[in-house]
Amino acid sequence: MARNREYDEHEVLHKAMELFWMQGYEKTSMQDLVEHMGIHRRSIYDTFGDKHTLYLKSLERYEQMVGNSMTSQIKPSDSVKQSIRRLFEITILRGGQSPKGCLTVNSAVELSLHDEEVAEKVVDSFSKTEHLLYELLMSGQESGEISESLDAAKTSMFLHNSLVGLRVLTKTTENREKLESIIDTTLSVLD
């Protein structure tokens, strides 16, 4: 007779995600995961597979969390410019929390050059964010809020690149004034 799990799978996956986010993939050992997740090594293997598979599942969990956070920030009553600004501002708010920065960006820097599966997850995540920005820009052009002279595809790439840069910068500074100034300058392309 199989034993019932004595832990919540989503909760322990969230703990694994946090640990990978804080320490990175290479620095995190299976023993670190056992201790941080609060479950036995065998349970990790039985539920999530090996460390690499657990990392990929952690990236998926992070993508869900960030994706939900980003889309929840877009309010129908807001202007397109307000919505885009809010996407940048939540990066600052999250940057002040622990762990700092962005797990997807960390993964891109640490692993994407030599881990095809991680690279695919990173590209997919970045593409979704860039597409969200593109959709917002197109909506702004349709409503007349954003000039039609802006190339929405190129501008969404630029904005996404700036957003990724901001995610990196939040790891190194808590200077809110500096970060807000970067947002102001970046979003000035929409004027």
N, C-alpha and C. Protein backbone atom coordinates (compact mmCIF):
# COMPACT_ATOMS: atom_id res chain seq x y z
N MET A 1 0.84 -1.18 0.00
CA MET A 1 0.00 0.00 0.00
C MET A 1 0.89 1.25 0.00
N ALA A 2 0.65 2.16 -0.93
CA ALA A 2 1.45 3.38 -1.03
C ALA A 2 1.10 4.34 0.10
N ARG A 3 2.15 5.01 0.59
CA ARG A 3 1.94 6.01 1.65
C ARG A 3 1.45 7.31 1.04
N ASN A 4 0.60 7.99 1.77
CA ASN A 4 0.18 9.32 1.35
C ASN A 4 1.34 10.29 1.54
N ARG A 5 1.45 11.23 0.67
CA ARG A 5 2.49 12.25 0.82
C ARG A 5 2.22 13.06 2.07
N GLU A 6 3.30 13.37 2.76
CA GLU A 6 3.19 14.15 3.99
C GLU A 6 3.57 15.60 3.74
N TYR A 7 3.53 16.01 2.50
CA TYR A 7 3.90 17.38 2.15
C TYR A 7 3.07 17.84 0.97
N ASP A 8 2.98 19.13 0.81
CA ASP A 8 2.27 19.73 -0.30
C ASP A 8 3.27 19.92 -1.45
N GLU A 9 3.00 19.27 -2.57
CA GLU A 9 3.92 19.29 -3.70
C GLU A 9 4.21 20.71 -4.20
N HIS A 10 3.18 21.54 -4.26
CA HIS A 10 3.36 22.93 -4.73
C HIS A 10 4.21 23.73 -3.76
N GLU A 11 3.99 23.49 -2.49
CA GLU A 11 4.74 24.22 -1.46
C GLU A 11 6.23 23.86 -1.50
N VAL A 12 6.54 22.58 -1.60
CA VAL A 12 7.96 22.19 -1.62
C VAL A 12 8.62 22.58 -2.95
N LEU A 13 7.87 22.57 -4.04
CA LEU A 13 8.42 23.05 -5.31
C LEU A 13 8.74 24.54 -5.20
N HIS A 14 7.88 25.28 -4.55
CA HIS A 14 8.12 26.71 -4.33
C HIS A 14 9.41 26.91 -3.52
N LYS A 15 9.61 26.08 -2.53
CA LYS A 15 10.83 26.17 -1.72
C LYS A 15 12.07 25.87 -2.56
N ALA A 16 11.98 24.87 -3.42
CA ALA A 16 13.10 24.56 -4.31
C ALA A 16 13.38 25.74 -5.24
N MET A 17 12.33 26.32 -5.78
CA MET A 17 12.47 27.47 -6.67
C MET A 17 13.21 28.60 -5.94
N GLU A 18 12.80 28.88 -4.71
CA GLU A 18 13.45 29.95 -3.93
C GLU A 18 14.93 29.67 -3.72
N LEU A 19 15.26 28.43 -3.42
CA LEU A 19 16.66 28.08 -3.18
C LEU A 19 17.49 28.23 -4.45
N PHE A 20 16.99 27.72 -5.56
CA PHE A 20 17.69 27.90 -6.84
C PHE A 20 17.83 29.38 -7.16
N TRP A 21 16.81 30.15 -6.87
CA TRP A 21 16.80 31.59 -7.12
C TRP A 21 17.88 32.28 -6.28
N MET A 22 18.02 31.87 -5.03
CA MET A 22 19.01 32.48 -4.14
C MET A 22 20.44 32.06 -4.49
N GLN A 23 20.63 30.77 -4.79
CA GLN A 23 21.98 30.23 -4.90
C GLN A 23 22.42 29.89 -6.31
N GLY A 24 21.48 29.75 -7.22
CA GLY A 24 21.82 29.29 -8.56
C GLY A 24 21.81 27.78 -8.62
N TYR A 25 21.90 27.27 -9.83
CA TYR A 25 21.83 25.82 -10.04
C TYR A 25 23.07 25.11 -9.52
N GLU A 26 24.24 25.56 -9.98
CA GLU A 26 25.49 24.87 -9.66
C GLU A 26 25.79 24.86 -8.17
N LYS A 27 25.50 25.94 -7.49
CA LYS A 27 25.84 26.05 -6.07
C LYS A 27 24.88 25.26 -5.18
N THR A 28 23.72 24.90 -5.70
CA THR A 28 22.71 24.19 -4.90
C THR A 28 22.92 22.69 -5.00
N SER A 29 23.19 22.07 -3.86
CA SER A 29 23.38 20.62 -3.82
C SER A 29 22.06 19.93 -3.50
N MET A 30 22.03 18.63 -3.72
CA MET A 30 20.84 17.86 -3.34
C MET A 30 20.62 17.95 -1.84
N GLN A 31 21.69 17.97 -1.04
CA GLN A 31 21.52 18.09 0.40
C GLN A 31 20.91 19.45 0.76
N ASP A 32 21.33 20.51 0.07
CA ASP A 32 20.71 21.83 0.28
C ASP A 32 19.22 21.75 0.01
N LEU A 33 18.85 21.08 -1.06
CA LEU A 33 17.43 20.95 -1.43
C LEU A 33 16.67 20.16 -0.38
N VAL A 34 17.25 19.07 0.10
CA VAL A 34 16.61 18.26 1.14
C VAL A 34 16.32 19.13 2.36
N GLU A 35 17.33 19.87 2.80
CA GLU A 35 17.19 20.70 4.00
C GLU A 35 16.20 21.84 3.78
N HIS A 36 16.28 22.50 2.65
CA HIS A 36 15.42 23.67 2.40
C HIS A 36 13.96 23.27 2.13
N MET A 37 13.79 22.18 1.41
CA MET A 37 12.43 21.73 1.07
C MET A 37 11.77 21.00 2.23
N GLY A 38 12.59 20.46 3.14
CA GLY A 38 12.05 19.78 4.30
C GLY A 38 11.47 18.41 4.00
N ILE A 39 11.97 17.78 2.92
CA ILE A 39 11.51 16.42 2.58
C ILE A 39 12.73 15.55 2.32
N HIS A 40 12.54 14.27 2.30
CA HIS A 40 13.63 13.32 2.10
C HIS A 40 14.10 13.34 0.65
N ARG A 41 15.36 13.01 0.48
CA ARG A 41 15.98 12.93 -0.84
C ARG A 41 15.17 11.99 -1.75
N ARG A 42 14.76 10.86 -1.24
CA ARG A 42 13.99 9.89 -2.03
C ARG A 42 12.67 10.51 -2.50
N SER A 43 12.06 11.31 -1.64
CA SER A 43 10.80 11.98 -2.01
C SER A 43 11.03 12.98 -3.14
N ILE A 44 12.16 13.66 -3.10
CA ILE A 44 12.48 14.60 -4.19
C ILE A 44 12.60 13.84 -5.50
N TYR A 45 13.36 12.76 -5.49
CA TYR A 45 13.54 11.97 -6.72
C TYR A 45 12.21 11.37 -7.19
N ASP A 46 11.43 10.83 -6.26
CA ASP A 46 10.15 10.21 -6.63
C ASP A 46 9.14 11.22 -7.18
N THR A 47 9.13 12.41 -6.61
CA THR A 47 8.13 13.42 -7.00
C THR A 47 8.59 14.28 -8.17
N PHE A 48 9.85 14.68 -8.16
CA PHE A 48 10.32 15.68 -9.13
C PHE A 48 11.39 15.17 -10.09
N GLY A 49 11.97 14.04 -9.80
CA GLY A 49 13.06 13.55 -10.62
C GLY A 49 14.40 14.03 -10.09
N ASP A 50 15.39 14.10 -10.96
CA ASP A 50 16.72 14.51 -10.53
C ASP A 50 16.79 16.03 -10.35
N LYS A 51 17.95 16.51 -9.94
CA LYS A 51 18.14 17.94 -9.67
C LYS A 51 17.83 18.79 -10.90
N HIS A 52 18.27 18.35 -12.06
CA HIS A 52 18.04 19.12 -13.28
C HIS A 52 16.54 19.22 -13.60
N THR A 53 15.83 18.12 -13.47
CA THR A 53 14.38 18.13 -13.71
C THR A 53 13.67 19.02 -12.70
N LEU A 54 14.12 18.97 -11.45
CA LEU A 54 13.56 19.84 -10.41
C LEU A 54 13.82 21.31 -10.76
N TYR A 55 14.99 21.59 -11.28
CA TYR A 55 15.32 22.96 -11.68
C TYR A 55 14.39 23.43 -12.80
N LEU A 56 14.18 22.58 -13.79
CA LEU A 56 13.28 22.94 -14.89
C LEU A 56 11.86 23.18 -14.38
N LYS A 57 11.41 22.35 -13.46
CA LYS A 57 10.08 22.54 -12.87
C LYS A 57 10.03 23.82 -12.04
N SER A 58 11.14 24.15 -11.39
CA SER A 58 11.22 25.41 -10.64
C SER A 58 11.13 26.60 -11.57
N LEU A 59 11.79 26.52 -12.72
CA LEU A 59 11.69 27.59 -13.72
C LEU A 59 10.25 27.75 -14.22
N GLU A 60 9.58 26.63 -14.44
CA GLU A 60 8.17 26.68 -14.86
C GLU A 60 7.32 27.34 -13.79
N ARG A 61 7.56 26.99 -12.54
CA ARG A 61 6.81 27.57 -11.41
C ARG A 61 7.06 29.08 -11.35
N TYR A 62 8.31 29.47 -11.53
CA TYR A 62 8.66 30.89 -11.50
C TYR A 62 7.97 31.62 -12.65
N GLU A 63 7.99 31.03 -13.83
CA GLU A 63 7.35 31.63 -15.00
C GLU A 63 5.86 31.85 -14.74
N GLN A 64 5.20 30.86 -14.15
CA GLN A 64 3.78 31.00 -13.80
C GLN A 64 3.58 32.15 -12.83
N MET A 65 4.40 32.19 -11.81
CA MET A 65 4.29 33.21 -10.78
C MET A 65 4.49 34.61 -11.36
N VAL A 66 5.53 34.78 -12.14
CA VAL A 66 5.83 36.09 -12.73
C VAL A 66 4.79 36.44 -13.79
N GLY A 67 4.42 35.48 -14.61
CA GLY A 67 3.40 35.73 -15.64
C GLY A 67 2.09 36.17 -15.04
N ASN A 68 1.66 35.50 -13.98
CA ASN A 68 0.43 35.90 -13.30
C ASN A 68 0.56 37.28 -12.68
N SER A 69 1.72 37.56 -12.11
CA SER A 69 1.96 38.86 -11.50
C SER A 69 1.93 39.97 -12.55
N MET A 70 2.55 39.71 -13.70
CA MET A 70 2.58 40.73 -14.75
C MET A 70 1.19 41.00 -15.31
N THR A 71 0.48 39.95 -15.65
CA THR A 71 -0.84 40.16 -16.25
C THR A 71 -1.84 40.74 -15.25
N SER A 72 -1.66 40.44 -13.97
CA SER A 72 -2.57 41.01 -12.97
C SER A 72 -2.35 42.51 -12.78
N GLN A 73 -1.18 43.00 -13.20
CA GLN A 73 -0.88 44.42 -13.07
C GLN A 73 -1.51 45.26 -14.18
N ILE A 74 -1.98 44.61 -15.23
CA ILE A 74 -2.57 45.33 -16.36
C ILE A 74 -4.06 45.46 -16.11
N LYS A 75 -4.48 46.70 -15.90
CA LYS A 75 -5.88 46.98 -15.60
C LYS A 75 -6.55 47.60 -16.83
N PRO A 76 -7.75 47.15 -17.16
CA PRO A 76 -8.43 47.71 -18.34
C PRO A 76 -8.63 49.23 -18.24
N SER A 77 -8.73 49.74 -17.03
CA SER A 77 -8.97 51.18 -16.86
C SER A 77 -7.70 52.01 -17.04
N ASP A 78 -6.54 51.37 -17.02
CA ASP A 78 -5.28 52.10 -17.16
C ASP A 78 -4.95 52.37 -18.61
N SER A 79 -4.17 53.40 -18.81
CA SER A 79 -3.66 53.65 -20.15
C SER A 79 -2.57 52.61 -20.44
N VAL A 80 -2.23 52.49 -21.70
CA VAL A 80 -1.18 51.55 -22.10
C VAL A 80 0.15 51.96 -21.46
N LYS A 81 0.43 53.24 -21.46
CA LYS A 81 1.68 53.72 -20.86
C LYS A 81 1.72 53.41 -19.36
N GLN A 82 0.61 53.55 -18.68
CA GLN A 82 0.55 53.20 -17.25
C GLN A 82 0.80 51.71 -17.05
N SER A 83 0.22 50.89 -17.91
CA SER A 83 0.39 49.44 -17.80
C SER A 83 1.84 49.04 -18.00
N ILE A 84 2.48 49.62 -19.01
CA ILE A 84 3.89 49.31 -19.28
C ILE A 84 4.76 49.79 -18.11
N ARG A 85 4.48 50.99 -17.61
CA ARG A 85 5.24 51.50 -16.46
C ARG A 85 5.08 50.56 -15.27
N ARG A 86 3.88 50.07 -15.05
CA ARG A 86 3.64 49.18 -13.91
C ARG A 86 4.46 47.89 -14.04
N LEU A 87 4.63 47.38 -15.25
CA LEU A 87 5.46 46.19 -15.45
C LEU A 87 6.90 46.45 -15.01
N PHE A 88 7.39 47.64 -15.31
CA PHE A 88 8.75 48.00 -14.89
C PHE A 88 8.79 48.22 -13.37
N GLU A 89 7.78 48.83 -12.83
CA GLU A 89 7.78 49.12 -11.39
C GLU A 89 7.70 47.86 -10.54
N ILE A 90 6.98 46.83 -11.01
CA ILE A 90 6.93 45.61 -10.20
C ILE A 90 8.30 44.94 -10.18
N THR A 91 9.11 45.18 -11.20
CA THR A 91 10.48 44.67 -11.19
C THR A 91 11.26 45.30 -10.04
N ILE A 92 11.06 46.59 -9.83
CA ILE A 92 11.73 47.26 -8.71
C ILE A 92 11.22 46.73 -7.38
N LEU A 93 9.91 46.58 -7.27
CA LEU A 93 9.33 46.08 -6.02
C LEU A 93 9.84 44.68 -5.70
N ARG A 94 9.87 43.81 -6.70
CA ARG A 94 10.37 42.46 -6.49
C ARG A 94 11.86 42.46 -6.20
N GLY A 95 12.58 43.43 -6.78
CA GLY A 95 14.02 43.52 -6.56
C GLY A 95 14.37 43.81 -5.12
N GLY A 96 13.48 44.49 -4.41
CA GLY A 96 13.71 44.80 -3.00
C GLY A 96 13.43 43.63 -2.08
N GLN A 97 12.89 42.56 -2.63
CA GLN A 97 12.57 41.38 -1.83
C GLN A 97 13.72 40.39 -1.92
N SER A 98 13.61 39.35 -1.18
CA SER A 98 14.60 38.29 -1.26
C SER A 98 13.91 37.03 -1.77
N PRO A 99 14.48 36.31 -2.66
CA PRO A 99 15.76 36.54 -3.33
C PRO A 99 15.68 37.72 -4.30
N LYS A 100 16.83 38.30 -4.56
CA LYS A 100 16.90 39.47 -5.43
C LYS A 100 16.99 39.05 -6.90
N GLY A 101 16.58 39.99 -7.75
CA GLY A 101 16.71 39.75 -9.17
C GLY A 101 15.63 38.84 -9.72
N CYS A 102 15.96 38.15 -10.78
CA CYS A 102 15.00 37.35 -11.53
C CYS A 102 15.60 35.97 -11.81
N LEU A 103 14.89 34.93 -11.45
CA LEU A 103 15.38 33.57 -11.67
C LEU A 103 15.59 33.29 -13.15
N THR A 104 14.74 33.80 -14.00
CA THR A 104 14.90 33.56 -15.44
C THR A 104 16.18 34.21 -15.96
N VAL A 105 16.43 35.45 -15.56
CA VAL A 105 17.65 36.14 -15.97
C VAL A 105 18.87 35.42 -15.39
N ASN A 106 18.79 35.03 -14.13
CA ASN A 106 19.90 34.28 -13.51
C ASN A 106 20.18 33.01 -14.30
N SER A 107 19.13 32.33 -14.70
CA SER A 107 19.27 31.08 -15.47
C SER A 107 19.91 31.35 -16.83
N ALA A 108 19.50 32.45 -17.46
CA ALA A 108 20.07 32.81 -18.75
C ALA A 108 21.58 33.01 -18.64
N VAL A 109 21.99 33.70 -17.58
CA VAL A 109 23.41 33.99 -17.40
C VAL A 109 24.19 32.74 -17.00
N GLU A 110 23.63 31.96 -16.06
CA GLU A 110 24.36 30.82 -15.52
C GLU A 110 24.38 29.61 -16.45
N LEU A 111 23.27 29.31 -17.10
CA LEU A 111 23.14 28.01 -17.75
C LEU A 111 22.82 27.98 -19.23
N SER A 112 22.25 29.04 -19.76
CA SER A 112 21.68 28.92 -21.11
C SER A 112 22.71 28.63 -22.20
N LEU A 113 23.96 28.97 -21.99
CA LEU A 113 24.97 28.70 -23.02
C LEU A 113 25.31 27.22 -23.14
N HIS A 114 25.12 26.46 -22.05
CA HIS A 114 25.49 25.04 -22.10
C HIS A 114 24.38 24.08 -21.69
N ASP A 115 23.17 24.59 -21.55
CA ASP A 115 22.03 23.73 -21.18
C ASP A 115 20.86 24.09 -22.09
N GLU A 116 20.64 23.27 -23.10
CA GLU A 116 19.62 23.55 -24.12
C GLU A 116 18.21 23.65 -23.53
N GLU A 117 17.90 22.79 -22.58
CA GLU A 117 16.55 22.81 -21.99
C GLU A 117 16.30 24.10 -21.21
N VAL A 118 17.30 24.53 -20.47
CA VAL A 118 17.16 25.79 -19.73
C VAL A 118 17.07 26.94 -20.73
N ALA A 119 17.91 26.91 -21.75
CA ALA A 119 17.88 27.97 -22.77
C ALA A 119 16.50 28.08 -23.40
N GLU A 120 15.85 26.95 -23.69
CA GLU A 120 14.50 26.96 -24.26
C GLU A 120 13.51 27.62 -23.31
N LYS A 121 13.60 27.30 -22.03
CA LYS A 121 12.69 27.89 -21.03
C LYS A 121 12.91 29.40 -20.95
N VAL A 122 14.18 29.82 -20.97
CA VAL A 122 14.50 31.25 -20.89
C VAL A 122 13.96 31.97 -22.12
N VAL A 123 14.22 31.43 -23.30
CA VAL A 123 13.75 32.05 -24.54
C VAL A 123 12.22 32.13 -24.54
N ASP A 124 11.57 31.07 -24.10
CA ASP A 124 10.11 31.06 -24.05
C ASP A 124 9.59 32.15 -23.11
N SER A 125 10.19 32.26 -21.95
CA SER A 125 9.78 33.27 -20.97
C SER A 125 10.00 34.68 -21.52
N PHE A 126 11.19 34.91 -22.09
CA PHE A 126 11.49 36.23 -22.65
C PHE A 126 10.53 36.56 -23.80
N SER A 127 10.22 35.56 -24.61
CA SER A 127 9.31 35.78 -25.75
C SER A 127 7.91 36.18 -25.27
N LYS A 128 7.45 35.55 -24.20
CA LYS A 128 6.12 35.88 -23.66
C LYS A 128 6.07 37.33 -23.18
N THR A 129 7.12 37.76 -22.49
CA THR A 129 7.16 39.13 -22.00
C THR A 129 7.23 40.12 -23.15
N GLU A 130 8.07 39.81 -24.12
CA GLU A 130 8.19 40.68 -25.29
C GLU A 130 6.87 40.76 -26.05
N HIS A 131 6.18 39.63 -26.15
CA HIS A 131 4.88 39.60 -26.83
C HIS A 131 3.85 40.42 -26.07
N LEU A 132 3.86 40.34 -24.75
CA LEU A 132 2.95 41.15 -23.94
C LEU A 132 3.19 42.63 -24.20
N LEU A 133 4.45 43.03 -24.23
CA LEU A 133 4.78 44.43 -24.52
C LEU A 133 4.32 44.82 -25.93
N TYR A 134 4.52 43.92 -26.88
CA TYR A 134 4.09 44.18 -28.26
C TYR A 134 2.57 44.38 -28.31
N GLU A 135 1.83 43.50 -27.66
CA GLU A 135 0.37 43.62 -27.64
C GLU A 135 -0.07 44.93 -27.00
N LEU A 136 0.58 45.33 -25.93
CA LEU A 136 0.25 46.61 -25.29
C LEU A 136 0.54 47.77 -26.24
N LEU A 137 1.68 47.73 -26.91
CA LEU A 137 2.01 48.80 -27.86
C LEU A 137 1.01 48.86 -29.01
N MET A 138 0.64 47.72 -29.54
CA MET A 138 -0.35 47.69 -30.63
C MET A 138 -1.69 48.26 -30.15
N SER A 139 -2.07 47.89 -28.94
CA SER A 139 -3.31 48.42 -28.38
C SER A 139 -3.23 49.94 -28.23
N GLY A 140 -2.07 50.41 -27.79
CA GLY A 140 -1.86 51.85 -27.64
C GLY A 140 -1.89 52.58 -28.98
N GLN A 141 -1.38 51.93 -30.01
CA GLN A 141 -1.43 52.53 -31.34
C GLN A 141 -2.86 52.56 -31.88
N GLU A 142 -3.61 51.50 -31.61
CA GLU A 142 -5.01 51.47 -32.05
C GLU A 142 -5.85 52.54 -31.36
N SER A 143 -5.55 52.80 -30.10
CA SER A 143 -6.32 53.80 -29.35
C SER A 143 -5.82 55.22 -29.59
N GLY A 144 -4.66 55.35 -30.23
CA GLY A 144 -4.09 56.67 -30.49
C GLY A 144 -3.19 57.17 -29.37
N GLU A 145 -3.01 56.38 -28.33
CA GLU A 145 -2.16 56.79 -27.21
C GLU A 145 -0.67 56.72 -27.57
N ILE A 146 -0.32 55.77 -28.42
CA ILE A 146 1.07 55.57 -28.85
C ILE A 146 1.14 55.90 -30.34
N SER A 147 2.15 56.65 -30.71
CA SER A 147 2.32 57.05 -32.10
C SER A 147 2.48 55.84 -33.01
N GLU A 148 1.81 55.89 -34.14
CA GLU A 148 1.93 54.82 -35.13
C GLU A 148 3.29 54.84 -35.82
N SER A 149 4.04 55.92 -35.64
CA SER A 149 5.38 55.99 -36.24
C SER A 149 6.37 55.08 -35.51
N LEU A 150 6.04 54.67 -34.29
CA LEU A 150 6.89 53.72 -33.57
C LEU A 150 6.70 52.33 -34.16
N ASP A 151 7.79 51.64 -34.40
CA ASP A 151 7.72 50.25 -34.84
C ASP A 151 7.46 49.41 -33.60
N ALA A 152 6.27 48.85 -33.49
CA ALA A 152 5.86 48.13 -32.27
C ALA A 152 6.76 46.93 -32.00
N ALA A 153 7.17 46.22 -33.03
CA ALA A 153 8.02 45.04 -32.84
C ALA A 153 9.39 45.44 -32.30
N LYS A 154 10.01 46.44 -32.92
CA LYS A 154 11.33 46.89 -32.46
C LYS A 154 11.25 47.53 -31.09
N THR A 155 10.20 48.28 -30.85
CA THR A 155 10.05 48.94 -29.54
C THR A 155 9.81 47.92 -28.44
N SER A 156 9.05 46.88 -28.73
CA SER A 156 8.83 45.84 -27.71
C SER A 156 10.14 45.12 -27.40
N MET A 157 11.00 44.91 -28.41
CA MET A 157 12.32 44.30 -28.16
C MET A 157 13.16 45.21 -27.28
N PHE A 158 13.15 46.50 -27.59
CA PHE A 158 13.91 47.48 -26.80
C PHE A 158 13.41 47.52 -25.36
N LEU A 159 12.10 47.61 -25.19
CA LEU A 159 11.53 47.66 -23.84
C LEU A 159 11.85 46.39 -23.06
N HIS A 160 11.76 45.25 -23.72
CA HIS A 160 12.07 44.00 -23.04
C HIS A 160 13.54 43.96 -22.62
N ASN A 161 14.42 44.37 -23.50
CA ASN A 161 15.83 44.41 -23.17
C ASN A 161 16.08 45.31 -21.95
N SER A 162 15.41 46.44 -21.92
CA SER A 162 15.55 47.36 -20.78
C SER A 162 15.00 46.74 -19.50
N LEU A 163 13.91 46.01 -19.63
CA LEU A 163 13.30 45.34 -18.48
C LEU A 163 14.24 44.27 -17.93
N VAL A 164 14.88 43.51 -18.80
CA VAL A 164 15.85 42.49 -18.37
C VAL A 164 17.02 43.17 -17.67
N GLY A 165 17.49 44.27 -18.24
CA GLY A 165 18.58 45.01 -17.61
C GLY A 165 18.20 45.52 -16.22
N LEU A 166 16.98 45.98 -16.09
CA LEU A 166 16.50 46.45 -14.79
C LEU A 166 16.45 45.30 -13.79
N ARG A 167 16.05 44.12 -14.26
CA ARG A 167 16.02 42.94 -13.39
C ARG A 167 17.41 42.61 -12.87
N VAL A 168 18.42 42.80 -13.69
CA VAL A 168 19.80 42.56 -13.26
C VAL A 168 20.22 43.64 -12.26
N LEU A 169 19.90 44.87 -12.57
CA LEU A 169 20.32 45.99 -11.73
C LEU A 169 19.71 45.94 -10.33
N THR A 170 18.51 45.40 -10.22
CA THR A 170 17.88 45.32 -8.89
C THR A 170 18.64 44.38 -7.96
N LYS A 171 19.53 43.56 -8.51
CA LYS A 171 20.36 42.69 -7.68
C LYS A 171 21.50 43.47 -7.03
N THR A 172 21.84 44.61 -7.62
CA THR A 172 23.04 45.33 -7.17
C THR A 172 22.75 46.66 -6.49
N THR A 173 21.53 47.15 -6.61
CA THR A 173 21.22 48.44 -5.98
C THR A 173 19.80 48.46 -5.46
N GLU A 174 19.63 49.20 -4.37
CA GLU A 174 18.29 49.45 -3.85
C GLU A 174 17.95 50.93 -3.98
N ASN A 175 18.74 51.65 -4.77
CA ASN A 175 18.55 53.07 -4.98
C ASN A 175 17.32 53.28 -5.85
N ARG A 176 16.19 53.49 -5.19
CA ARG A 176 14.89 53.60 -5.88
C ARG A 176 14.89 54.77 -6.87
N GLU A 177 15.51 55.87 -6.47
CA GLU A 177 15.54 57.04 -7.35
C GLU A 177 16.28 56.73 -8.66
N LYS A 178 17.38 56.02 -8.56
CA LYS A 178 18.14 55.63 -9.75
C LYS A 178 17.31 54.71 -10.64
N LEU A 179 16.66 53.73 -10.04
CA LEU A 179 15.86 52.77 -10.81
C LEU A 179 14.67 53.46 -11.48
N GLU A 180 14.01 54.37 -10.75
CA GLU A 180 12.88 55.12 -11.33
C GLU A 180 13.35 56.00 -12.48
N SER A 181 14.53 56.57 -12.35
CA SER A 181 15.09 57.41 -13.41
C SER A 181 15.34 56.58 -14.67
N ILE A 182 15.80 55.36 -14.49
CA ILE A 182 16.02 54.47 -15.64
C ILE A 182 14.69 54.15 -16.32
N ILE A 183 13.66 53.90 -15.52
CA ILE A 183 12.33 53.64 -16.09
C ILE A 183 11.85 54.85 -16.87
N ASP A 184 11.98 56.05 -16.27
CA ASP A 184 11.53 57.27 -16.95
C ASP A 184 12.23 57.45 -18.30
N THR A 185 13.53 57.25 -18.31
CA THR A 185 14.30 57.41 -19.55
C THR A 185 13.90 56.37 -20.58
N THR A 186 13.76 55.13 -20.13
CA THR A 186 13.37 54.05 -21.04
C THR A 186 12.01 54.33 -21.67
N LEU A 187 11.06 54.70 -20.84
CA LEU A 187 9.69 54.87 -21.34
C LEU A 187 9.50 56.18 -22.10
N SER A 188 10.51 57.05 -22.08
CA SER A 188 10.41 58.29 -22.85
C SER A 188 10.31 58.01 -24.35
N VAL A 189 10.72 56.82 -24.79
CA VAL A 189 10.58 56.48 -26.22
C VAL A 189 9.11 56.41 -26.63
N LEU A 190 8.21 56.29 -25.66
CA LEU A 190 6.79 56.18 -25.98
C LEU A 190 6.13 57.54 -26.15
N ASP A 191 6.85 58.61 -25.81
CA ASP A 191 6.28 59.96 -25.93
C ASP A 191 6.34 60.49 -27.34
